[in-house]
Amino acid sequence: MRSTPIDSEAAQAYSGTPRQTPATPPKGASGSALVVIGVVVLLGLVLWGLLG
């Protein structure tokens, strides 16, 4: 089987610039806010089950 070489730049092994350190994700309160909302909902369901 014969194949023809691909000469496009996109076919190169790696054409981007290397990074020394990975990008850090932005710090925010969205994760902890979801935990608080989840705990409040869980407590509400427990109280509804006990009192209802």
PDB file of N, CA and C in Angstrom:
ATOM      1  N   MET A   1       0.846  -1.163   0.000  1.00  0.00           N
ATOM      2  CA  MET A   1       0.000   0.000   0.000  1.00  0.00           C
ATOM      3  C   MET A   1       0.902   1.240   0.000  1.00  0.00           C
ATOM      4  N   ARG A   2       0.600   2.161  -0.868  1.00  0.00           N
ATOM      5  CA  ARG A   2       1.369   3.394  -0.952  1.00  0.00           C
ATOM      6  C   ARG A   2       0.481   4.556  -0.540  1.00  0.00           C
ATOM      7  N   SER A   3       1.092   5.517   0.100  1.00  0.00           N
ATOM      8  CA  SER A   3       0.341   6.732   0.451  1.00  0.00           C
ATOM      9  C   SER A   3       1.177   7.942   0.074  1.00  0.00           C
ATOM     10  N   THR A   4       0.501   9.005  -0.214  1.00  0.00           N
ATOM     11  CA  THR A   4       1.193  10.241  -0.558  1.00  0.00           C
ATOM     12  C   THR A   4       1.374  11.066   0.703  1.00  0.00           C
ATOM     13  N   PRO A   5       2.499  11.722   0.850  1.00  0.00           N
ATOM     14  CA  PRO A   5       2.721  12.532   2.054  1.00  0.00           C
ATOM     15  C   PRO A   5       1.777  13.741   2.086  1.00  0.00           C
ATOM     16  N   ILE A   6       1.355  14.079   3.277  1.00  0.00           N
ATOM     17  CA  ILE A   6       0.466  15.230   3.458  1.00  0.00           C
ATOM     18  C   ILE A   6       1.335  16.430   3.806  1.00  0.00           C
ATOM     19  N   ASP A   7       1.197  17.499   3.036  1.00  0.00           N
ATOM     20  CA  ASP A   7       2.056  18.660   3.209  1.00  0.00           C
ATOM     21  C   ASP A   7       1.393  19.817   3.945  1.00  0.00           C
ATOM     22  N   SER A   8       0.192  19.628   4.462  1.00  0.00           N
ATOM     23  CA  SER A   8      -0.469  20.765   5.107  1.00  0.00           C
ATOM     24  C   SER A   8       0.110  21.001   6.507  1.00  0.00           C
ATOM     25  N   GLU A   9      -0.018  22.214   6.977  1.00  0.00           N
ATOM     26  CA  GLU A   9       0.489  22.570   8.298  1.00  0.00           C
ATOM     27  C   GLU A   9      -0.302  21.878   9.408  1.00  0.00           C
ATOM     28  N   ALA A  10      -1.590  21.640   9.174  1.00  0.00           N
ATOM     29  CA  ALA A  10      -2.423  20.990  10.184  1.00  0.00           C
ATOM     30  C   ALA A  10      -2.049  19.531  10.384  1.00  0.00           C
ATOM     31  N   ALA A  11      -1.354  18.929   9.417  1.00  0.00           N
ATOM     32  CA  ALA A  11      -0.988  17.522   9.523  1.00  0.00           C
ATOM     33  C   ALA A  11       0.330  17.318  10.254  1.00  0.00           C
ATOM     34  N   GLN A  12       0.976  18.379  10.667  1.00  0.00           N
ATOM     35  CA  GLN A  12       2.235  18.255  11.396  1.00  0.00           C
ATOM     36  C   GLN A  12       1.986  17.639  12.768  1.00  0.00           C
ATOM     37  N   ALA A  13       3.019  17.084  13.362  1.00  0.00           N
ATOM     38  CA  ALA A  13       2.866  16.394  14.640  1.00  0.00           C
ATOM     39  C   ALA A  13       2.386  17.330  15.745  1.00  0.00           C
ATOM     40  N   TYR A  14       2.938  18.506  15.856  1.00  0.00           N
ATOM     41  CA  TYR A  14       2.523  19.482  16.867  1.00  0.00           C
ATOM     42  C   TYR A  14       2.853  20.853  16.341  1.00  0.00           C
ATOM     43  N   SER A  15       1.842  21.701  16.215  1.00  0.00           N
ATOM     44  CA  SER A  15       2.082  23.010  15.622  1.00  0.00           C
ATOM     45  C   SER A  15       1.804  24.162  16.584  1.00  0.00           C
ATOM     46  N   GLY A  16       1.427  23.861  17.828  1.00  0.00           N
ATOM     47  CA  GLY A  16       1.135  24.921  18.793  1.00  0.00           C
ATOM     48  C   GLY A  16       2.357  25.274  19.616  1.00  0.00           C
ATOM     49  N   THR A  17       2.216  26.269  20.441  1.00  0.00           N
ATOM     50  CA  THR A  17       3.310  26.649  21.324  1.00  0.00           C
ATOM     51  C   THR A  17       3.164  25.885  22.637  1.00  0.00           C
ATOM     52  N   PRO A  18       4.227  25.287  23.143  1.00  0.00           N
ATOM     53  CA  PRO A  18       4.126  24.503  24.378  1.00  0.00           C
ATOM     54  C   PRO A  18       3.964  25.404  25.600  1.00  0.00           C
ATOM     55  N   ARG A  19       3.229  24.921  26.584  1.00  0.00           N
ATOM     56  CA  ARG A  19       3.065  25.645  27.854  1.00  0.00           C
ATOM     57  C   ARG A  19       3.882  24.943  28.920  1.00  0.00           C
ATOM     58  N   GLN A  20       4.510  25.716  29.756  1.00  0.00           N
ATOM     59  CA  GLN A  20       5.295  25.137  30.838  1.00  0.00           C
ATOM     60  C   GLN A  20       4.393  24.663  31.980  1.00  0.00           C
ATOM     61  N   THR A  21       3.379  25.461  32.316  1.00  0.00           N
ATOM     62  CA  THR A  21       2.448  25.096  33.379  1.00  0.00           C
ATOM     63  C   THR A  21       1.031  25.141  32.822  1.00  0.00           C
ATOM     64  N   PRO A  22       0.167  24.250  33.265  1.00  0.00           N
ATOM     65  CA  PRO A  22      -1.213  24.290  32.784  1.00  0.00           C
ATOM     66  C   PRO A  22      -1.944  25.522  33.323  1.00  0.00           C
ATOM     67  N   ALA A  23      -2.943  25.941  32.595  1.00  0.00           N
ATOM     68  CA  ALA A  23      -3.719  27.107  33.012  1.00  0.00           C
ATOM     69  C   ALA A  23      -4.523  26.761  34.263  1.00  0.00           C
ATOM     70  N   THR A  24      -4.546  27.670  35.223  1.00  0.00           N
ATOM     71  CA  THR A  24      -5.303  27.436  36.446  1.00  0.00           C
ATOM     72  C   THR A  24      -6.742  27.883  36.243  1.00  0.00           C
ATOM     73  N   PRO A  25      -7.699  27.105  36.721  1.00  0.00           N
ATOM     74  CA  PRO A  25      -9.093  27.501  36.567  1.00  0.00           C
ATOM     75  C   PRO A  25      -9.407  28.712  37.432  1.00  0.00           C
ATOM     76  N   PRO A  26     -10.379  29.518  37.025  1.00  0.00           N
ATOM     77  CA  PRO A  26     -10.720  30.700  37.825  1.00  0.00           C
ATOM     78  C   PRO A  26     -11.308  30.287  39.163  1.00  0.00           C
ATOM     79  N   LYS A  27     -10.954  31.039  40.177  1.00  0.00           N
ATOM     80  CA  LYS A  27     -11.469  30.762  41.517  1.00  0.00           C
ATOM     81  C   LYS A  27     -12.805  31.466  41.675  1.00  0.00           C
ATOM     82  N   GLY A  28     -13.774  30.739  42.157  1.00  0.00           N
ATOM     83  CA  GLY A  28     -15.094  31.316  42.342  1.00  0.00           C
ATOM     84  C   GLY A  28     -15.842  30.598  43.440  1.00  0.00           C
ATOM     85  N   ALA A  29     -16.965  31.142  43.810  1.00  0.00           N
ATOM     86  CA  ALA A  29     -17.761  30.577  44.890  1.00  0.00           C
ATOM     87  C   ALA A  29     -18.891  29.707  44.364  1.00  0.00           C
ATOM     88  N   SER A  30     -18.875  29.385  43.088  1.00  0.00           N
ATOM     89  CA  SER A  30     -19.996  28.628  42.525  1.00  0.00           C
ATOM     90  C   SER A  30     -20.042  27.208  43.069  1.00  0.00           C
ATOM     91  N   GLY A  31     -18.906  26.573  43.284  1.00  0.00           N
ATOM     92  CA  GLY A  31     -18.893  25.208  43.804  1.00  0.00           C
ATOM     93  C   GLY A  31     -19.405  25.137  45.221  1.00  0.00           C
ATOM     94  N   SER A  32     -18.947  26.048  46.077  1.00  0.00           N
ATOM     95  CA  SER A  32     -19.397  26.023  47.464  1.00  0.00           C
ATOM     96  C   SER A  32     -20.857  26.455  47.576  1.00  0.00           C
ATOM     97  N   ALA A  33     -21.311  27.321  46.701  1.00  0.00           N
ATOM     98  CA  ALA A  33     -22.717  27.730  46.717  1.00  0.00           C
ATOM     99  C   ALA A  33     -23.615  26.552  46.364  1.00  0.00           C
ATOM    100  N   LEU A  34     -23.188  25.716  45.436  1.00  0.00           N
ATOM    101  CA  LEU A  34     -23.977  24.534  45.086  1.00  0.00           C
ATOM    102  C   LEU A  34     -24.041  23.547  46.242  1.00  0.00           C
ATOM    103  N   VAL A  35     -22.958  23.421  46.984  1.00  0.00           N
ATOM    104  CA  VAL A  35     -22.956  22.529  48.143  1.00  0.00           C
ATOM    105  C   VAL A  35     -23.922  23.031  49.199  1.00  0.00           C
ATOM    106  N   VAL A  36     -23.916  24.325  49.454  1.00  0.00           N
ATOM    107  CA  VAL A  36     -24.825  24.906  50.446  1.00  0.00           C
ATOM    108  C   VAL A  36     -26.279  24.714  50.022  1.00  0.00           C
ATOM    109  N   ILE A  37     -26.568  24.941  48.761  1.00  0.00           N
ATOM    110  CA  ILE A  37     -27.940  24.754  48.265  1.00  0.00           C
ATOM    111  C   ILE A  37     -28.344  23.287  48.391  1.00  0.00           C
ATOM    112  N   GLY A  38     -27.438  22.375  48.092  1.00  0.00           N
ATOM    113  CA  GLY A  38     -27.730  20.954  48.214  1.00  0.00           C
ATOM    114  C   GLY A  38     -28.016  20.538  49.649  1.00  0.00           C
ATOM    115  N   VAL A  39     -27.249  21.074  50.593  1.00  0.00           N
ATOM    116  CA  VAL A  39     -27.472  20.757  52.008  1.00  0.00           C
ATOM    117  C   VAL A  39     -28.803  21.313  52.470  1.00  0.00           C
ATOM    118  N   VAL A  40     -29.144  22.518  52.063  1.00  0.00           N
ATOM    119  CA  VAL A  40     -30.425  23.115  52.453  1.00  0.00           C
ATOM    120  C   VAL A  40     -31.583  22.295  51.893  1.00  0.00           C
ATOM    121  N   VAL A  41     -31.488  21.866  50.651  1.00  0.00           N
ATOM    122  CA  VAL A  41     -32.554  21.051  50.056  1.00  0.00           C
ATOM    123  C   VAL A  41     -32.661  19.708  50.782  1.00  0.00           C
ATOM    124  N   LEU A  42     -31.527  19.108  51.097  1.00  0.00           N
ATOM    125  CA  LEU A  42     -31.539  17.829  51.806  1.00  0.00           C
ATOM    126  C   LEU A  42     -32.160  17.972  53.196  1.00  0.00           C
ATOM    127  N   LEU A  43     -31.794  19.013  53.917  1.00  0.00           N
ATOM    128  CA  LEU A  43     -32.389  19.257  55.228  1.00  0.00           C
ATOM    129  C   LEU A  43     -33.891  19.508  55.115  1.00  0.00           C
ATOM    130  N   GLY A  44     -34.309  20.220  54.090  1.00  0.00           N
ATOM    131  CA  GLY A  44     -35.713  20.468  53.875  1.00  0.00           C
ATOM    132  C   GLY A  44     -36.487  19.181  53.614  1.00  0.00           C
ATOM    133  N   LEU A  45     -35.909  18.284  52.835  1.00  0.00           N
ATOM    134  CA  LEU A  45     -36.553  17.006  52.570  1.00  0.00           C
ATOM    135  C   LEU A  45     -36.637  16.137  53.830  1.00  0.00           C
ATOM    136  N   VAL A  46     -35.600  16.163  54.639  1.00  0.00           N
ATOM    137  CA  VAL A  46     -35.611  15.397  55.886  1.00  0.00           C
ATOM    138  C   VAL A  46     -36.667  15.936  56.840  1.00  0.00           C
ATOM    139  N   LEU A  47     -36.733  17.245  56.979  1.00  0.00           N
ATOM    140  CA  LEU A  47     -37.737  17.850  57.851  1.00  0.00           C
ATOM    141  C   LEU A  47     -39.147  17.595  57.324  1.00  0.00           C
ATOM    142  N   TRP A  48     -39.317  17.635  56.033  1.00  0.00           N
ATOM    143  CA  TRP A  48     -40.644  17.381  55.436  1.00  0.00           C
ATOM    144  C   TRP A  48     -41.066  15.933  55.695  1.00  0.00           C
ATOM    145  N   GLY A  49     -40.101  15.024  55.623  1.00  0.00           N
ATOM    146  CA  GLY A  49     -40.395  13.629  55.884  1.00  0.00           C
ATOM    147  C   GLY A  49     -40.706  13.365  57.344  1.00  0.00           C
ATOM    148  N   LEU A  50     -40.023  14.059  58.255  1.00  0.00           N
ATOM    149  CA  LEU A  50     -40.260  13.852  59.679  1.00  0.00           C
ATOM    150  C   LEU A  50     -41.555  14.508  60.160  1.00  0.00           C
ATOM    151  N   LEU A  51     -41.864  15.676  59.627  1.00  0.00           N
ATOM    152  CA  LEU A  51     -43.026  16.419  60.107  1.00  0.00           C
ATOM    153  C   LEU A  51     -44.276  16.132  59.295  1.00  0.00           C
ATOM    154  N   GLY A  52     -44.119  15.585  58.116  1.00  0.00           N
ATOM    155  CA  GLY A  52     -45.261  15.392  57.227  1.00  0.00           C
ATOM    156  C   GLY A  52     -45.915  14.118  57.342  1.00  0.00           C
TER     157      GLY A  52
END
